[in-house]
Amino acid sequence: MASKHEPLPPLVEESAMDYAEHQKTYDGFVGAVKYSIISLAILAVGLYFAVIGDAPFLGIVLVLASVAVPGAMAIWSRR
C-alpha cells in the first residue's frame, strides 16, 4: 500500500565549513599517528634488547629514546 509523502523542504546551508582549520586538525592527527608508530617501534626494539637480547643497557637506552625521540621530532618538524 503506497503512502503519500510530502516533498522535502529545500536544503539550507547554515554555515560554510572552515577548510583551513579542518586541514590543520587533520595534519595534526596524521602527525600524532606517525610519531606514535615511530615511538612504538623504538619501544619494541628496546624491550627486545632489554628482555631477550643480552644487551640490557642498550634496551634501557632505546626504551628511554622511545619517549624522547618522537617528541623531539614533532617539535623540530614544526619549524
C-alpha atoms as a PDB file:
ATOM      1  CA  MET A   1       0.000   0.000   0.000  1.00  0.00           C
ATOM      2  CA  ALA A   2       1.576   3.241  -1.109  1.00  0.00           C
ATOM      3  CA  SER A   3       1.536   6.235   1.180  1.00  0.00           C
ATOM      4  CA  LYS A   4       1.569   9.838   0.147  1.00  0.00           C
ATOM      5  CA  HIS A   5       4.723  11.734   1.248  1.00  0.00           C
ATOM      6  CA  GLU A   6       5.210  15.457   1.370  1.00  0.00           C
ATOM      7  CA  PRO A   7       8.194  16.780  -0.593  1.00  0.00           C
ATOM      8  CA  LEU A   8      11.309  17.616   1.378  1.00  0.00           C
ATOM      9  CA  PRO A   9      11.994  21.277   2.113  1.00  0.00           C
ATOM     10  CA  PRO A  10      14.875  22.853   0.167  1.00  0.00           C
ATOM     11  CA  LEU A  11      18.348  22.457   1.645  1.00  0.00           C
ATOM     12  CA  VAL A  12      19.633  25.434   3.574  1.00  0.00           C
ATOM     13  CA  GLU A  13      23.347  25.940   4.079  1.00  0.00           C
ATOM     14  CA  GLU A  14      23.697  27.012   7.692  1.00  0.00           C
ATOM     15  CA  SER A  15      27.410  27.774   7.741  1.00  0.00           C
ATOM     16  CA  ALA A  16      30.372  27.304   5.472  1.00  0.00           C
ATOM     17  CA  MET A  17      32.989  24.774   6.539  1.00  0.00           C
ATOM     18  CA  ASP A  18      36.340  26.169   7.608  1.00  0.00           C
ATOM     19  CA  TYR A  19      38.585  24.081   5.357  1.00  0.00           C
ATOM     20  CA  ALA A  20      41.835  25.634   6.596  1.00  0.00           C
ATOM     21  CA  GLU A  21      41.046  24.690  10.195  1.00  0.00           C
ATOM     22  CA  HIS A  22      39.937  21.235   9.107  1.00  0.00           C
ATOM     23  CA  GLN A  23      43.233  20.718   7.252  1.00  0.00           C
ATOM     24  CA  LYS A  24      45.257  21.796  10.323  1.00  0.00           C
ATOM     25  CA  THR A  25      43.338  19.361  12.523  1.00  0.00           C
ATOM     26  CA  TYR A  26      43.817  16.512  10.034  1.00  0.00           C
ATOM     27  CA  ASP A  27      47.539  17.239   9.672  1.00  0.00           C
ATOM     28  CA  GLY A  28      47.914  17.234  13.456  1.00  0.00           C
ATOM     29  CA  PHE A  29      46.139  13.890  13.726  1.00  0.00           C
ATOM     30  CA  VAL A  30      48.276  12.307  10.983  1.00  0.00           C
ATOM     31  CA  GLY A  31      51.427  13.664  12.634  1.00  0.00           C
ATOM     32  CA  ALA A  32      50.409  12.259  16.019  1.00  0.00           C
ATOM     33  CA  VAL A  33      49.784   8.830  14.485  1.00  0.00           C
ATOM     34  CA  LYS A  34      53.133   8.950  12.678  1.00  0.00           C
ATOM     35  CA  TYR A  35      55.089   9.808  15.822  1.00  0.00           C
ATOM     36  CA  SER A  36      53.168   7.218  17.853  1.00  0.00           C
ATOM     37  CA  ILE A  37      54.123   4.482  15.390  1.00  0.00           C
ATOM     38  CA  ILE A  38      57.780   5.559  15.486  1.00  0.00           C
ATOM     39  CA  SER A  39      57.702   5.570  19.286  1.00  0.00           C
ATOM     40  CA  LEU A  40      56.153   2.099  19.482  1.00  0.00           C
ATOM     41  CA  ALA A  41      58.694   0.683  17.033  1.00  0.00           C
ATOM     42  CA  ILE A  42      61.614   2.045  19.077  1.00  0.00           C
ATOM     43  CA  LEU A  43      59.969   0.754  22.262  1.00  0.00           C
ATOM     44  CA  ALA A  44      59.523  -2.747  20.807  1.00  0.00           C
ATOM     45  CA  VAL A  45      63.181  -2.948  19.756  1.00  0.00           C
ATOM     46  CA  GLY A  46      64.299  -1.613  23.134  1.00  0.00           C
ATOM     47  CA  LEU A  47      62.194  -4.156  25.020  1.00  0.00           C
ATOM     48  CA  TYR A  48      63.607  -6.935  22.849  1.00  0.00           C
ATOM     49  CA  PHE A  49      67.168  -5.975  23.748  1.00  0.00           C
ATOM     50  CA  ALA A  50      66.305  -5.463  27.435  1.00  0.00           C
ATOM     51  CA  VAL A  51      64.432  -8.746  27.907  1.00  0.00           C
ATOM     52  CA  ILE A  52      65.544 -11.297  25.307  1.00  0.00           C
ATOM     53  CA  GLY A  53      68.792  -9.957  23.889  1.00  0.00           C
ATOM     54  CA  ASP A  54      71.850  -9.823  26.112  1.00  0.00           C
ATOM     55  CA  ALA A  55      72.154  -6.034  25.955  1.00  0.00           C
ATOM     56  CA  PRO A  56      70.129  -4.559  28.834  1.00  0.00           C
ATOM     57  CA  PHE A  57      71.928  -1.195  28.692  1.00  0.00           C
ATOM     58  CA  LEU A  58      71.066  -0.763  25.002  1.00  0.00           C
ATOM     59  CA  GLY A  59      67.499  -1.818  25.777  1.00  0.00           C
ATOM     60  CA  ILE A  60      67.129   0.812  28.501  1.00  0.00           C
ATOM     61  CA  VAL A  61      68.582   3.483  26.224  1.00  0.00           C
ATOM     62  CA  LEU A  62      66.117   2.581  23.462  1.00  0.00           C
ATOM     63  CA  VAL A  63      63.151   2.494  25.865  1.00  0.00           C
ATOM     64  CA  LEU A  64      64.060   5.995  27.045  1.00  0.00           C
ATOM     65  CA  ALA A  65      64.567   7.092  23.434  1.00  0.00           C
ATOM     66  CA  SER A  66      61.081   5.865  22.567  1.00  0.00           C
ATOM     67  CA  VAL A  67      59.773   8.720  24.712  1.00  0.00           C
ATOM     68  CA  ALA A  68      62.276  11.433  23.820  1.00  0.00           C
ATOM     69  CA  VAL A  69      62.893  10.983  20.087  1.00  0.00           C
ATOM     70  CA  PRO A  70      59.304  11.259  18.744  1.00  0.00           C
ATOM     71  CA  GLY A  71      58.667  14.331  20.884  1.00  0.00           C
ATOM     72  CA  ALA A  72      61.829  15.985  19.607  1.00  0.00           C
ATOM     73  CA  MET A  73      60.930  15.051  16.028  1.00  0.00           C
ATOM     74  CA  ALA A  74      57.473  16.610  16.438  1.00  0.00           C
ATOM     75  CA  ILE A  75      58.962  19.839  17.776  1.00  0.00           C
ATOM     76  CA  TRP A  76      61.644  20.098  15.060  1.00  0.00           C
ATOM     77  CA  SER A  77      59.224  19.298  12.217  1.00  0.00           C
ATOM     78  CA  ARG A  78      57.093  22.363  13.052  1.00  0.00           C
ATOM     79  CA  ARG A  79      59.977  24.758  12.315  1.00  0.00           C
END
